[in-house]
PDB file of N, CA and C in Angstrom:
ATOM      1  N   MET A   1     -16.653 -12.079  21.957  1.00  0.00           N
ATOM      2  CA  MET A   1     -16.166 -10.981  21.147  1.00  0.00           C
ATOM      3  C   MET A   1     -14.717 -11.254  20.745  1.00  0.00           C
ATOM      4  N   ARG A   2     -14.435 -11.107  19.473  1.00  0.00           N
ATOM      5  CA  ARG A   2     -13.101 -11.396  18.963  1.00  0.00           C
ATOM      6  C   ARG A   2     -12.275 -10.114  18.870  1.00  0.00           C
ATOM      7  N   GLN A   3     -11.062 -10.186  19.383  1.00  0.00           N
ATOM      8  CA  GLN A   3     -10.193  -9.025  19.316  1.00  0.00           C
ATOM      9  C   GLN A   3      -9.321  -9.106  18.079  1.00  0.00           C
ATOM     10  N   THR A   4      -9.060  -7.956  17.470  1.00  0.00           N
ATOM     11  CA  THR A   4      -8.171  -7.929  16.317  1.00  0.00           C
ATOM     12  C   THR A   4      -6.770  -7.553  16.779  1.00  0.00           C
ATOM     13  N   LYS A   5      -5.779  -8.109  16.102  1.00  0.00           N
ATOM     14  CA  LYS A   5      -4.397  -7.784  16.437  1.00  0.00           C
ATOM     15  C   LYS A   5      -4.096  -6.359  16.003  1.00  0.00           C
ATOM     16  N   THR A   6      -3.333  -5.667  16.810  1.00  0.00           N
ATOM     17  CA  THR A   6      -2.939  -4.319  16.446  1.00  0.00           C
ATOM     18  C   THR A   6      -1.458  -4.296  16.127  1.00  0.00           C
ATOM     19  N   SER A   7      -1.085  -3.391  15.272  1.00  0.00           N
ATOM     20  CA  SER A   7       0.295  -3.273  14.828  1.00  0.00           C
ATOM     21  C   SER A   7       1.143  -2.642  15.918  1.00  0.00           C
ATOM     22  N   THR A   8       2.366  -3.137  16.075  1.00  0.00           N
ATOM     23  CA  THR A   8       3.290  -2.529  17.028  1.00  0.00           C
ATOM     24  C   THR A   8       4.423  -1.826  16.306  1.00  0.00           C
ATOM     25  N   HIS A   9       4.482  -1.977  14.980  1.00  0.00           N
ATOM     26  CA  HIS A   9       5.538  -1.314  14.218  1.00  0.00           C
ATOM     27  C   HIS A   9       4.955  -0.249  13.298  1.00  0.00           C
ATOM     28  N   LYS A  10       5.818   0.629  12.837  1.00  0.00           N
ATOM     29  CA  LYS A  10       5.411   1.746  11.982  1.00  0.00           C
ATOM     30  C   LYS A  10       5.166   1.256  10.559  1.00  0.00           C
ATOM     31  N   ILE A  11       3.986   1.572  10.014  1.00  0.00           N
ATOM     32  CA  ILE A  11       3.699   1.236   8.619  1.00  0.00           C
ATOM     33  C   ILE A  11       4.292   2.347   7.758  1.00  0.00           C
ATOM     34  N   LYS A  12       5.208   1.969   6.870  1.00  0.00           N
ATOM     35  CA  LYS A  12       5.944   2.972   6.110  1.00  0.00           C
ATOM     36  C   LYS A  12       5.340   3.238   4.736  1.00  0.00           C
ATOM     37  N   ILE A  13       4.366   2.439   4.331  1.00  0.00           N
ATOM     38  CA  ILE A  13       3.701   2.643   3.048  1.00  0.00           C
ATOM     39  C   ILE A  13       2.471   3.512   3.275  1.00  0.00           C
ATOM     40  N   ARG A  14       2.302   4.505   2.398  1.00  0.00           N
ATOM     41  CA  ARG A  14       1.183   5.436   2.545  1.00  0.00           C
ATOM     42  C   ARG A  14       0.316   5.435   1.293  1.00  0.00           C
ATOM     43  N   THR A  15      -0.874   6.001   1.417  1.00  0.00           N
ATOM     44  CA  THR A  15      -1.785   6.143   0.289  1.00  0.00           C
ATOM     45  C   THR A  15      -1.119   6.985  -0.799  1.00  0.00           C
ATOM     46  N   GLY A  16      -1.208   6.520  -2.046  1.00  0.00           N
ATOM     47  CA  GLY A  16      -0.625   7.246  -3.164  1.00  0.00           C
ATOM     48  C   GLY A  16       0.755   6.764  -3.572  1.00  0.00           C
ATOM     49  N   ASP A  17       1.392   5.914  -2.761  1.00  0.00           N
ATOM     50  CA  ASP A  17       2.719   5.382  -3.084  1.00  0.00           C
ATOM     51  C   ASP A  17       2.623   4.373  -4.220  1.00  0.00           C
ATOM     52  N   LEU A  18       3.675   4.300  -5.048  1.00  0.00           N
ATOM     53  CA  LEU A  18       3.775   3.275  -6.074  1.00  0.00           C
ATOM     54  C   LEU A  18       4.509   2.098  -5.455  1.00  0.00           C
ATOM     55  N   VAL A  19       3.858   0.925  -5.438  1.00  0.00           N
ATOM     56  CA  VAL A  19       4.449  -0.249  -4.804  1.00  0.00           C
ATOM     57  C   VAL A  19       4.485  -1.432  -5.770  1.00  0.00           C
ATOM     58  N   LYS A  20       5.340  -2.407  -5.446  1.00  0.00           N
ATOM     59  CA  LYS A  20       5.443  -3.635  -6.215  1.00  0.00           C
ATOM     60  C   LYS A  20       5.137  -4.795  -5.271  1.00  0.00           C
ATOM     61  N   VAL A  21       4.381  -5.782  -5.770  1.00  0.00           N
ATOM     62  CA  VAL A  21       4.049  -6.959  -4.964  1.00  0.00           C
ATOM     63  C   VAL A  21       5.232  -7.920  -5.052  1.00  0.00           C
ATOM     64  N   ILE A  22       5.782  -8.313  -3.891  1.00  0.00           N
ATOM     65  CA  ILE A  22       6.968  -9.165  -3.865  1.00  0.00           C
ATOM     66  C   ILE A  22       6.652 -10.608  -3.489  1.00  0.00           C
ATOM     67  N   ALA A  23       5.395 -10.879  -3.091  1.00  0.00           N
ATOM     68  CA  ALA A  23       5.008 -12.244  -2.733  1.00  0.00           C
ATOM     69  C   ALA A  23       3.508 -12.419  -2.915  1.00  0.00           C
ATOM     70  N   GLY A  24       3.090 -13.648  -3.198  1.00  0.00           N
ATOM     71  CA  GLY A  24       1.672 -13.946  -3.344  1.00  0.00           C
ATOM     72  C   GLY A  24       1.279 -14.172  -4.788  1.00  0.00           C
ATOM     73  N   ASN A  25      -0.030 -14.327  -5.027  1.00  0.00           N
ATOM     74  CA  ASN A  25      -0.537 -14.612  -6.363  1.00  0.00           C
ATOM     75  C   ASN A  25      -0.290 -13.484  -7.351  1.00  0.00           C
ATOM     76  N   SER A  26      -0.234 -12.251  -6.882  1.00  0.00           N
ATOM     77  CA  SER A  26      -0.036 -11.100  -7.761  1.00  0.00           C
ATOM     78  C   SER A  26       1.426 -10.666  -7.827  1.00  0.00           C
ATOM     79  N   LYS A  27       2.341 -11.570  -7.510  1.00  0.00           N
ATOM     80  CA  LYS A  27       3.775 -11.240  -7.457  1.00  0.00           C
ATOM     81  C   LYS A  27       4.248 -10.602  -8.760  1.00  0.00           C
ATOM     82  N   GLY A  28       5.000  -9.493  -8.630  1.00  0.00           N
ATOM     83  CA  GLY A  28       5.541  -8.804  -9.788  1.00  0.00           C
ATOM     84  C   GLY A  28       4.693  -7.638 -10.260  1.00  0.00           C
ATOM     85  N   ALA A  29       3.439  -7.570  -9.816  1.00  0.00           N
ATOM     86  CA  ALA A  29       2.533  -6.501 -10.262  1.00  0.00           C
ATOM     87  C   ALA A  29       2.855  -5.200  -9.527  1.00  0.00           C
ATOM     88  N   GLN A  30       2.692  -4.079 -10.240  1.00  0.00           N
ATOM     89  CA  GLN A  30       2.900  -2.766  -9.651  1.00  0.00           C
ATOM     90  C   GLN A  30       1.585  -2.006  -9.642  1.00  0.00           C
ATOM     91  N   GLY A  31       1.428  -1.144  -8.678  1.00  0.00           N
ATOM     92  CA  GLY A  31       0.217  -0.333  -8.629  1.00  0.00           C
ATOM     93  C   GLY A  31       0.317   0.737  -7.570  1.00  0.00           C
ATOM     94  N   LYS A  32      -0.665   1.634  -7.589  1.00  0.00           N
ATOM     95  CA  LYS A  32      -0.726   2.730  -6.637  1.00  0.00           C
ATOM     96  C   LYS A  32      -1.567   2.306  -5.437  1.00  0.00           C
ATOM     97  N   VAL A  33      -1.133   2.661  -4.237  1.00  0.00           N
ATOM     98  CA  VAL A  33      -1.869   2.328  -3.021  1.00  0.00           C
ATOM     99  C   VAL A  33      -3.098   3.223  -2.935  1.00  0.00           C
ATOM    100  N   LEU A  34      -4.280   2.585  -2.880  1.00  0.00           N
ATOM    101  CA  LEU A  34      -5.536   3.330  -2.795  1.00  0.00           C
ATOM    102  C   LEU A  34      -5.935   3.597  -1.348  1.00  0.00           C
ATOM    103  N   GLU A  35      -5.621   2.634  -0.476  1.00  0.00           N
ATOM    104  CA  GLU A  35      -6.033   2.743   0.927  1.00  0.00           C
ATOM    105  C   GLU A  35      -5.124   1.884   1.787  1.00  0.00           C
ATOM    106  N   VAL A  36      -4.830   2.347   3.008  1.00  0.00           N
ATOM    107  CA  VAL A  36      -4.051   1.574   3.965  1.00  0.00           C
ATOM    108  C   VAL A  36      -4.936   1.294   5.168  1.00  0.00           C
ATOM    109  N   VAL A  37      -5.077   0.000   5.505  1.00  0.00           N
ATOM    110  CA  VAL A  37      -5.868  -0.412   6.666  1.00  0.00           C
ATOM    111  C   VAL A  37      -4.880  -0.685   7.800  1.00  0.00           C
ATOM    112  N   VAL A  38      -4.635   0.330   8.638  1.00  0.00           N
ATOM    113  CA  VAL A  38      -3.589   0.265   9.657  1.00  0.00           C
ATOM    114  C   VAL A  38      -3.873  -0.826  10.689  1.00  0.00           C
ATOM    115  N   ALA A  39      -5.124  -0.979  11.099  1.00  0.00           N
ATOM    116  CA  ALA A  39      -5.476  -1.944  12.139  1.00  0.00           C
ATOM    117  C   ALA A  39      -5.159  -3.379  11.734  1.00  0.00           C
ATOM    118  N   LYS A  40      -5.205  -3.676  10.442  1.00  0.00           N
ATOM    119  CA  LYS A  40      -4.972  -5.042   9.968  1.00  0.00           C
ATOM    120  C   LYS A  40      -3.654  -5.196   9.214  1.00  0.00           C
ATOM    121  N   ASN A  41      -2.820  -4.158   9.180  1.00  0.00           N
ATOM    122  CA  ASN A  41      -1.541  -4.178   8.448  1.00  0.00           C
ATOM    123  C   ASN A  41      -1.725  -4.541   6.979  1.00  0.00           C
ATOM    124  N   ARG A  42      -2.744  -4.011   6.353  1.00  0.00           N
ATOM    125  CA  ARG A  42      -3.034  -4.335   4.960  1.00  0.00           C
ATOM    126  C   ARG A  42      -3.207  -3.070   4.139  1.00  0.00           C
ATOM    127  N   ALA A  43      -3.077  -3.230   2.819  1.00  0.00           N
ATOM    128  CA  ALA A  43      -3.266  -2.107   1.909  1.00  0.00           C
ATOM    129  C   ALA A  43      -4.041  -2.583   0.688  1.00  0.00           C
ATOM    130  N   ILE A  44      -4.803  -1.680   0.094  1.00  0.00           N
ATOM    131  CA  ILE A  44      -5.515  -1.980  -1.142  1.00  0.00           C
ATOM    132  C   ILE A  44      -4.756  -1.282  -2.268  1.00  0.00           C
ATOM    133  N   VAL A  45      -4.305  -2.097  -3.245  1.00  0.00           N
ATOM    134  CA  VAL A  45      -3.473  -1.596  -4.333  1.00  0.00           C
ATOM    135  C   VAL A  45      -4.247  -1.697  -5.641  1.00  0.00           C
ATOM    136  N   GLU A  46      -4.162  -0.646  -6.457  1.00  0.00           N
ATOM    137  CA  GLU A  46      -4.889  -0.548  -7.714  1.00  0.00           C
ATOM    138  C   GLU A  46      -4.486  -1.673  -8.680  1.00  0.00           C
ATOM    139  N   GLY A  47      -5.466  -2.472  -9.107  1.00  0.00           N
ATOM    140  CA  GLY A  47      -5.243  -3.527 -10.097  1.00  0.00           C
ATOM    141  C   GLY A  47      -4.530  -4.762  -9.581  1.00  0.00           C
ATOM    142  N   VAL A  48      -4.392  -4.903  -8.268  1.00  0.00           N
ATOM    143  CA  VAL A  48      -3.667  -6.028  -7.670  1.00  0.00           C
ATOM    144  C   VAL A  48      -4.593  -6.809  -6.739  1.00  0.00           C
ATOM    145  N   ASN A  49      -4.428  -8.127  -6.688  1.00  0.00           N
ATOM    146  CA  ASN A  49      -5.201  -9.007  -5.808  1.00  0.00           C
ATOM    147  C   ASN A  49      -6.700  -8.879  -6.103  1.00  0.00           C
ATOM    148  N   LEU A  50      -7.054  -9.032  -7.379  1.00  0.00           N
ATOM    149  CA  LEU A  50      -8.455  -8.897  -7.789  1.00  0.00           C
ATOM    150  C   LEU A  50      -9.263 -10.122  -7.378  1.00  0.00           C
ATOM    151  N   VAL A  51     -10.445  -9.880  -6.836  1.00  0.00           N
ATOM    152  CA  VAL A  51     -11.357 -10.954  -6.442  1.00  0.00           C
ATOM    153  C   VAL A  51     -12.707 -10.714  -7.112  1.00  0.00           C
ATOM    154  N   LYS A  52     -13.447 -11.806  -7.324  1.00  0.00           N
ATOM    155  CA  LYS A  52     -14.783 -11.688  -7.903  1.00  0.00           C
ATOM    156  C   LYS A  52     -15.790 -11.608  -6.766  1.00  0.00           C
ATOM    157  N   LYS A  53     -16.674 -10.624  -6.838  1.00  0.00           N
ATOM    158  CA  LYS A  53     -17.681 -10.427  -5.790  1.00  0.00           C
ATOM    159  C   LYS A  53     -19.066 -10.505  -6.424  1.00  0.00           C
ATOM    160  N   HIS A  54     -19.915 -11.323  -5.857  1.00  0.00           N
ATOM    161  CA  HIS A  54     -21.284 -11.466  -6.342  1.00  0.00           C
ATOM    162  C   HIS A  54     -22.133 -10.367  -5.716  1.00  0.00           C
ATOM    163  N   THR A  55     -22.843  -9.602  -6.554  1.00  0.00           N
ATOM    164  CA  THR A  55     -23.635  -8.488  -6.039  1.00  0.00           C
ATOM    165  C   THR A  55     -25.103  -8.625  -6.418  1.00  0.00           C
ATOM    166  N   LYS A  56     -25.951  -8.209  -5.497  1.00  0.00           N
ATOM    167  CA  LYS A  56     -27.393  -8.169  -5.759  1.00  0.00           C
ATOM    168  C   LYS A  56     -27.683  -6.924  -6.588  1.00  0.00           C
ATOM    169  N   PRO A  57     -28.785  -6.924  -7.317  1.00  0.00           N
ATOM    170  CA  PRO A  57     -29.155  -5.703  -8.048  1.00  0.00           C
ATOM    171  C   PRO A  57     -29.383  -4.540  -7.078  1.00  0.00           C
ATOM    172  N   ASN A  58     -28.847  -3.365  -7.452  1.00  0.00           N
ATOM    173  CA  ASN A  58     -29.067  -2.162  -6.656  1.00  0.00           C
ATOM    174  C   ASN A  58     -29.098  -0.956  -7.591  1.00  0.00           C
ATOM    175  N   ALA A  59     -29.193   0.234  -7.041  1.00  0.00           N
ATOM    176  CA  ALA A  59     -29.308   1.448  -7.862  1.00  0.00           C
ATOM    177  C   ALA A  59     -28.075   1.650  -8.746  1.00  0.00           C
ATOM    178  N   ALA A  60     -26.890   1.369  -8.199  1.00  0.00           N
ATOM    179  CA  ALA A  60     -25.654   1.561  -8.961  1.00  0.00           C
ATOM    180  C   ALA A  60     -25.481   0.489 -10.031  1.00  0.00           C
ATOM    181  N   ASN A  61     -25.920  -0.724  -9.728  1.00  0.00           N
ATOM    182  CA  ASN A  61     -25.773  -1.849 -10.655  1.00  0.00           C
ATOM    183  C   ASN A  61     -27.129  -2.540 -10.775  1.00  0.00           C
ATOM    184  N   PRO A  62     -27.995  -2.095 -11.690  1.00  0.00           N
ATOM    185  CA  PRO A  62     -29.372  -2.591 -11.747  1.00  0.00           C
ATOM    186  C   PRO A  62     -29.501  -4.086 -12.047  1.00  0.00           C
ATOM    187  N   ASN A  63     -28.542  -4.667 -12.759  1.00  0.00           N
ATOM    188  CA  ASN A  63     -28.625  -6.097 -13.074  1.00  0.00           C
ATOM    189  C   ASN A  63     -27.959  -6.999 -12.042  1.00  0.00           C
ATOM    190  N   GLY A  64     -27.129  -6.427 -11.187  1.00  0.00           N
ATOM    191  CA  GLY A  64     -26.380  -7.245 -10.245  1.00  0.00           C
ATOM    192  C   GLY A  64     -25.294  -7.996 -10.989  1.00  0.00           C
ATOM    193  N   GLY A  65     -24.944  -9.180 -10.522  1.00  0.00           N
ATOM    194  CA  GLY A  65     -23.960 -10.001 -11.220  1.00  0.00           C
ATOM    195  C   GLY A  65     -22.641 -10.078 -10.484  1.00  0.00           C
ATOM    196  N   ILE A  66     -21.582 -10.411 -11.216  1.00  0.00           N
ATOM    197  CA  ILE A  66     -20.262 -10.614 -10.631  1.00  0.00           C
ATOM    198  C   ILE A  66     -19.359  -9.446 -11.036  1.00  0.00           C
ATOM    199  N   ILE A  67     -18.783  -8.784 -10.034  1.00  0.00           N
ATOM    200  CA  ILE A  67     -17.854  -7.690 -10.318  1.00  0.00           C
ATOM    201  C   ILE A  67     -16.467  -8.069  -9.800  1.00  0.00           C
ATOM    202  N   GLU A  68     -15.435  -7.494 -10.421  1.00  0.00           N
ATOM    203  CA  GLU A  68     -14.073  -7.711  -9.942  1.00  0.00           C
ATOM    204  C   GLU A  68     -13.629  -6.471  -9.190  1.00  0.00           C
ATOM    205  N   LYS A  69     -13.075  -6.671  -7.997  1.00  0.00           N
ATOM    206  CA  LYS A  69     -12.584  -5.538  -7.223  1.00  0.00           C
ATOM    207  C   LYS A  69     -11.299  -5.928  -6.504  1.00  0.00           C
ATOM    208  N   GLU A  70     -10.555  -4.924  -6.073  1.00  0.00           N
ATOM    209  CA  GLU A  70      -9.295  -5.158  -5.379  1.00  0.00           C
ATOM    210  C   GLU A  70      -9.561  -5.557  -3.933  1.00  0.00           C
ATOM    211  N   ALA A  71      -8.852  -6.583  -3.477  1.00  0.00           N
ATOM    212  CA  ALA A  71      -8.922  -6.993  -2.077  1.00  0.00           C
ATOM    213  C   ALA A  71      -7.646  -6.505  -1.386  1.00  0.00           C
ATOM    214  N   ALA A  72      -7.701  -6.420  -0.066  1.00  0.00           N
ATOM    215  CA  ALA A  72      -6.547  -5.959   0.706  1.00  0.00           C
ATOM    216  C   ALA A  72      -5.427  -6.990   0.650  1.00  0.00           C
ATOM    217  N   ILE A  73      -4.191  -6.513   0.642  1.00  0.00           N
ATOM    218  CA  ILE A  73      -3.017  -7.380   0.621  1.00  0.00           C
ATOM    219  C   ILE A  73      -2.110  -6.955   1.772  1.00  0.00           C
ATOM    220  N   HIS A  74      -1.460  -7.916   2.424  1.00  0.00           N
ATOM    221  CA  HIS A  74      -0.631  -7.616   3.589  1.00  0.00           C
ATOM    222  C   HIS A  74       0.557  -6.753   3.193  1.00  0.00           C
ATOM    223  N   ILE A  75       0.886  -5.765   4.042  1.00  0.00           N
ATOM    224  CA  ILE A  75       1.954  -4.828   3.684  1.00  0.00           C
ATOM    225  C   ILE A  75       3.327  -5.487   3.614  1.00  0.00           C
ATOM    226  N   SER A  76       3.491  -6.649   4.253  1.00  0.00           N
ATOM    227  CA  SER A  76       4.782  -7.347   4.176  1.00  0.00           C
ATOM    228  C   SER A  76       5.028  -7.892   2.775  1.00  0.00           C
ATOM    229  N   ASN A  77       3.972  -7.995   1.970  1.00  0.00           N
ATOM    230  CA  ASN A  77       4.095  -8.481   0.593  1.00  0.00           C
ATOM    231  C   ASN A  77       4.277  -7.341  -0.408  1.00  0.00           C
ATOM    232  N   LEU A  78       4.428  -6.128   0.088  1.00  0.00           N
ATOM    233  CA  LEU A  78       4.581  -4.956  -0.778  1.00  0.00           C
ATOM    234  C   LEU A  78       5.936  -4.306  -0.551  1.00  0.00           C
ATOM    235  N   ALA A  79       6.518  -3.781  -1.627  1.00  0.00           N
ATOM    236  CA  ALA A  79       7.767  -3.024  -1.526  1.00  0.00           C
ATOM    237  C   ALA A  79       7.604  -1.714  -2.277  1.00  0.00           C
ATOM    238  N   TYR A  80       8.079  -0.643  -1.682  1.00  0.00           N
ATOM    239  CA  TYR A  80       8.010   0.680  -2.306  1.00  0.00           C
ATOM    240  C   TYR A  80       8.906   0.694  -3.543  1.00  0.00           C
ATOM    241  N   VAL A  81       8.449   1.325  -4.631  1.00  0.00           N
ATOM    242  CA  VAL A  81       9.248   1.425  -5.853  1.00  0.00           C
ATOM    243  C   VAL A  81      10.028   2.736  -5.815  1.00  0.00           C
ATOM    244  N   ASP A  82      11.357   2.610  -5.884  1.00  0.00           N
ATOM    245  CA  ASP A  82      12.261   3.758  -5.847  1.00  0.00           C
ATOM    246  C   ASP A  82      11.999   4.677  -7.037  1.00  0.00           C
ATOM    247  N   PRO A  83      11.745   5.976  -6.795  1.00  0.00           N
ATOM    248  CA  PRO A  83      11.448   6.881  -7.911  1.00  0.00           C
ATOM    249  C   PRO A  83      12.631   7.084  -8.863  1.00  0.00           C
ATOM    250  N   LYS A  84      13.854   6.892  -8.364  1.00  0.00           N
ATOM    251  CA  LYS A  84      15.048   7.123  -9.177  1.00  0.00           C
ATOM    252  C   LYS A  84      15.363   5.937 -10.086  1.00  0.00           C
ATOM    253  N   SER A  85      15.411   4.710  -9.499  1.00  0.00           N
ATOM    254  CA  SER A  85      15.820   3.527 -10.263  1.00  0.00           C
ATOM    255  C   SER A  85      14.651   2.697 -10.776  1.00  0.00           C
ATOM    256  N   GLY A  86      13.476   2.843 -10.167  1.00  0.00           N
ATOM    257  CA  GLY A  86      12.315   2.042 -10.561  1.00  0.00           C
ATOM    258  C   GLY A  86      12.333   0.639  -9.989  1.00  0.00           C
ATOM    259  N   LYS A  87      13.248   0.374  -9.049  1.00  0.00           N
ATOM    260  CA  LYS A  87      13.355  -0.945  -8.420  1.00  0.00           C
ATOM    261  C   LYS A  87      12.789  -0.893  -6.999  1.00  0.00           C
ATOM    262  N   PRO A  88      12.352  -2.061  -6.476  1.00  0.00           N
ATOM    263  CA  PRO A  88      11.820  -2.090  -5.108  1.00  0.00           C
ATOM    264  C   PRO A  88      12.901  -1.715  -4.088  1.00  0.00           C
ATOM    265  N   THR A  89      12.509  -0.985  -3.074  1.00  0.00           N
ATOM    266  CA  THR A  89      13.448  -0.564  -2.036  1.00  0.00           C
ATOM    267  C   THR A  89      12.750  -0.518  -0.688  1.00  0.00           C
ATOM    268  N   ARG A  90      13.550  -0.535   0.367  1.00  0.00           N
ATOM    269  CA  ARG A  90      13.002  -0.341   1.706  1.00  0.00           C
ATOM    270  C   ARG A  90      12.914   1.147   1.990  1.00  0.00           C
ATOM    271  N   ILE A  91      12.155   1.503   3.010  1.00  0.00           N
ATOM    272  CA  ILE A  91      11.956   2.909   3.348  1.00  0.00           C
ATOM    273  C   ILE A  91      12.554   3.168   4.722  1.00  0.00           C
ATOM    274  N   GLY A  92      13.324   4.250   4.815  1.00  0.00           N
ATOM    275  CA  GLY A  92      13.884   4.670   6.091  1.00  0.00           C
ATOM    276  C   GLY A  92      13.302   6.013   6.486  1.00  0.00           C
ATOM    277  N   ARG A  93      13.632   6.454   7.694  1.00  0.00           N
ATOM    278  CA  ARG A  93      13.167   7.753   8.171  1.00  0.00           C
ATOM    279  C   ARG A  93      14.370   8.561   8.634  1.00  0.00           C
ATOM    280  N   LYS A  94      14.307   9.867   8.371  1.00  0.00           N
ATOM    281  CA  LYS A  94      15.428  10.738   8.684  1.00  0.00           C
ATOM    282  C   LYS A  94      14.884  12.046   9.241  1.00  0.00           C
ATOM    283  N   VAL A  95      15.569  12.608  10.232  1.00  0.00           N
ATOM    284  CA  VAL A  95      15.165  13.889  10.794  1.00  0.00           C
ATOM    285  C   VAL A  95      15.819  14.988   9.973  1.00  0.00           C
ATOM    286  N   LYS A  96      14.997  15.924   9.500  1.00  0.00           N
ATOM    287  CA  LYS A  96      15.480  17.004   8.648  1.00  0.00           C
ATOM    288  C   LYS A  96      15.192  18.340   9.327  1.00  0.00           C
ATOM    289  N   GLU A  97      16.170  19.247   9.267  1.00  0.00           N
ATOM    290  CA  GLU A  97      15.982  20.583   9.846  1.00  0.00           C
ATOM    291  C   GLU A  97      15.224  21.462   8.853  1.00  0.00           C
ATOM    292  N   VAL A  98      14.072  22.006   9.292  1.00  0.00           N
ATOM    293  CA  VAL A  98      13.263  22.858   8.417  1.00  0.00           C
ATOM    294  C   VAL A  98      12.815  24.097   9.190  1.00  0.00           C
ATOM    295  N   ASP A  99      13.183  25.271   8.707  1.00  0.00           N
ATOM    296  CA  ASP A  99      12.747  26.551   9.288  1.00  0.00           C
ATOM    297  C   ASP A  99      12.907  26.602  10.808  1.00  0.00           C
ATOM    298  N   GLY A 100      14.054  26.208  11.298  1.00  0.00           N
ATOM    299  CA  GLY A 100      14.314  26.263  12.729  1.00  0.00           C
ATOM    300  C   GLY A 100      13.729  25.099  13.515  1.00  0.00           C
ATOM    301  N   GLY A 101      12.909  24.259  12.868  1.00  0.00           N
ATOM    302  CA  GLY A 101      12.321  23.102  13.536  1.00  0.00           C
ATOM    303  C   GLY A 101      12.822  21.800  12.923  1.00  0.00           C
ATOM    304  N   GLN A 102      12.246  20.722  13.353  1.00  0.00           N
ATOM    305  CA  GLN A 102      12.627  19.413  12.830  1.00  0.00           C
ATOM    306  C   GLN A 102      11.423  18.738  12.194  1.00  0.00           C
ATOM    307  N   LYS A 103      11.702  17.965  11.137  1.00  0.00           N
ATOM    308  CA  LYS A 103      10.645  17.242  10.438  1.00  0.00           C
ATOM    309  C   LYS A 103      11.173  15.861  10.077  1.00  0.00           C
ATOM    310  N   ILE A 104      10.351  14.837  10.271  1.00  0.00           N
ATOM    311  CA  ILE A 104      10.750  13.479   9.891  1.00  0.00           C
ATOM    312  C   ILE A 104      10.319  13.243   8.450  1.00  0.00           C
ATOM    313  N   VAL A 105      11.284  12.858   7.598  1.00  0.00           N
ATOM    314  CA  VAL A 105      10.988  12.582   6.192  1.00  0.00           C
ATOM    315  C   VAL A 105      11.334  11.133   5.883  1.00  0.00           C
ATOM    316  N   ARG A 106      10.622  10.567   4.891  1.00  0.00           N
ATOM    317  CA  ARG A 106      10.913   9.203   4.448  1.00  0.00           C
ATOM    318  C   ARG A 106      11.983   9.250   3.368  1.00  0.00           C
ATOM    319  N   ILE A 107      12.892   8.268   3.389  1.00  0.00           N
ATOM    320  CA  ILE A 107      13.924   8.184   2.357  1.00  0.00           C
ATOM    321  C   ILE A 107      13.969   6.770   1.801  1.00  0.00           C
ATOM    322  N   ALA A 108      14.310   6.662   0.499  1.00  0.00           N
ATOM    323  CA  ALA A 108      14.485   5.353  -0.137  1.00  0.00           C
ATOM    324  C   ALA A 108      15.877   4.852   0.228  1.00  0.00           C
ATOM    325  N   LYS A 109      15.978   3.623   0.733  1.00  0.00           N
ATOM    326  CA  LYS A 109      17.258   3.079   1.191  1.00  0.00           C
ATOM    327  C   LYS A 109      18.246   2.877   0.053  1.00  0.00           C
ATOM    328  N   LYS A 110      17.784   2.492  -1.139  1.00  0.00           N
ATOM    329  CA  LYS A 110      18.708   2.212  -2.248  1.00  0.00           C
ATOM    330  C   LYS A 110      19.367   3.471  -2.786  1.00  0.00           C
ATOM    331  N   SER A 111      18.571   4.505  -3.059  1.00  0.00           N
ATOM    332  CA  SER A 111      19.126   5.708  -3.689  1.00  0.00           C
ATOM    333  C   SER A 111      19.397   6.817  -2.675  1.00  0.00           C
ATOM    334  N   GLY A 112      18.800   6.731  -1.496  1.00  0.00           N
ATOM    335  CA  GLY A 112      18.959   7.797  -0.500  1.00  0.00           C
ATOM    336  C   GLY A 112      18.095   9.006  -0.800  1.00  0.00           C
ATOM    337  N   GLU A 113      17.244   8.889  -1.816  1.00  0.00           N
ATOM    338  CA  GLU A 113      16.390   9.994  -2.233  1.00  0.00           C
ATOM    339  C   GLU A 113      15.224  10.187  -1.270  1.00  0.00           C
ATOM    340  N   GLU A 114      14.861  11.455  -1.074  1.00  0.00           N
ATOM    341  CA  GLU A 114      13.747  11.783  -0.187  1.00  0.00           C
ATOM    342  C   GLU A 114      12.421  11.477  -0.885  1.00  0.00           C
ATOM    343  N   ILE A 115      11.480  10.919  -0.122  1.00  0.00           N
ATOM    344  CA  ILE A 115      10.159  10.583  -0.660  1.00  0.00           C
ATOM    345  C   ILE A 115       9.185  11.646  -0.219  1.00  0.00           C
ATOM    346  N   ASP A 116       8.460  12.237  -1.163  1.00  0.00           N
ATOM    347  CA  ASP A 116       7.513  13.350  -0.984  1.00  0.00           C
ATOM    348  C   ASP A 116       7.807  14.254   0.141  1.00  0.00           C
TER     349      ASP A 116
END
């Protein structure tokens, strides 16, 4: 039985974030994160890292054939796009006081702007 490596650090990219690919074959491409695979430190980004998949005929695709779909890309190759400047930035975390309690919010390192 093969064990998979587990992450020991916090993944700061979330589903719905706009990211830019900073390394790999799709370098320079931007897209929205569709899914984050935490166990493998990977994310699936819209329109990035497209692979051709051979499919058998089925109800959804009666003829079968070759389809293009997004493959997972390692999160170290992705950078969050700053909403203010439109440039790639790192993400930090900050404790914010809300209604007498505390809440951890994400902030863009370049502009200092709060993320969602």
